[in-house]
Amino acid sequence: MRTSIQDVKQKHAARLMEMPGVVSVGIGRNEDGQSVIVLGLDRERAATRGQLPNCLEGYEVRAEVVGKVKAR
């Protein structure tokens, strides 16, 4: 049985958040409607993009520039 995307996100979130410029880890959908892990970046960073995984435990990983995240 495949691990849920929520469990995969939770398992890898702390490590991903330690990467330079990664400000959020979430779940979204791709254009085919499949669940993907979405990494929010504070700005475009070639070095960070080069280190990001394309896939985690069978789930696609997508990075998007979202800017700085402020606590409310």
Protein backbone atom coordinates (compact mmCIF):
# COMPACT_ATOMS: atom_id res chain seq x y z
CA MET A 1 0.00 0.00 0.00
CA ARG A 2 1.31 3.46 -0.93
CA THR A 3 2.16 5.90 1.85
CA SER A 4 -0.22 8.88 1.98
CA ILE A 5 1.01 12.22 0.67
CA GLN A 6 0.29 13.75 4.10
CA ASP A 7 2.65 11.22 5.73
CA VAL A 8 5.34 11.81 3.08
CA LYS A 9 5.08 15.59 3.57
CA GLN A 10 5.32 15.26 7.34
CA LYS A 11 8.29 12.87 7.10
CA HIS A 12 10.36 15.18 4.85
CA ALA A 13 9.15 18.69 5.84
CA ALA A 14 11.80 19.48 8.47
CA ARG A 15 14.67 18.50 6.16
CA LEU A 16 13.21 20.47 3.25
CA MET A 17 12.64 23.57 5.41
CA GLU A 18 16.36 23.57 6.30
CA MET A 19 17.26 24.20 2.65
CA PRO A 20 18.18 27.82 1.81
CA GLY A 21 15.11 29.75 0.67
CA VAL A 22 12.47 27.09 1.37
CA VAL A 23 9.76 28.85 3.40
CA SER A 24 6.87 26.38 3.18
CA VAL A 25 5.98 22.78 2.45
CA GLY A 26 2.44 22.02 1.37
CA ILE A 27 0.21 19.84 -0.76
CA GLY A 28 -1.37 20.88 -4.03
CA ARG A 29 -2.47 19.45 -7.35
CA ASN A 30 -0.80 19.31 -10.74
CA GLU A 31 -2.59 20.02 -14.02
CA ASP A 32 -3.75 16.39 -14.14
CA GLY A 33 -5.42 16.73 -10.74
CA GLN A 34 -2.91 14.49 -8.96
CA SER A 35 -1.66 15.42 -5.50
CA VAL A 36 1.85 16.89 -5.38
CA ILE A 37 4.13 18.25 -2.68
CA VAL A 38 4.56 22.00 -3.14
CA LEU A 39 7.65 23.78 -1.85
CA GLY A 40 7.39 27.54 -1.37
CA LEU A 41 10.57 29.50 -2.08
CA ASP A 42 11.31 33.03 -0.87
CA ARG A 43 12.93 33.88 -4.22
CA GLU A 44 14.47 32.18 -7.19
CA ARG A 45 17.73 30.46 -6.19
CA ALA A 46 19.49 28.28 -8.76
CA ALA A 47 21.55 26.52 -6.09
CA THR A 48 18.45 25.58 -4.08
CA ARG A 49 16.48 24.48 -7.15
CA GLY A 50 19.38 22.21 -8.04
CA GLN A 51 19.11 20.46 -4.66
CA LEU A 52 15.34 20.00 -4.60
CA PRO A 53 14.00 16.52 -5.27
CA ASN A 54 11.76 15.98 -8.29
CA CYS A 55 9.90 13.23 -6.47
CA LEU A 56 9.47 12.00 -2.89
CA GLU A 57 8.30 8.44 -2.31
CA GLY A 58 6.45 8.44 -5.63
CA TYR A 59 4.88 11.91 -5.30
CA GLU A 60 5.86 14.75 -7.64
CA VAL A 61 7.53 17.75 -6.00
CA ARG A 62 6.89 21.25 -7.39
CA ALA A 63 8.63 24.45 -6.28
CA GLU A 64 7.00 27.88 -6.53
CA VAL A 65 8.32 31.31 -5.61
CA VAL A 66 5.91 32.63 -2.95
CA GLY A 67 8.05 35.32 -1.31
CA LYS A 68 8.74 35.66 2.38
CA VAL A 69 6.22 34.10 4.73
CA LYS A 70 5.12 36.16 7.75
CA ALA A 71 3.52 34.69 10.85
CA ARG A 72 0.10 36.09 11.68
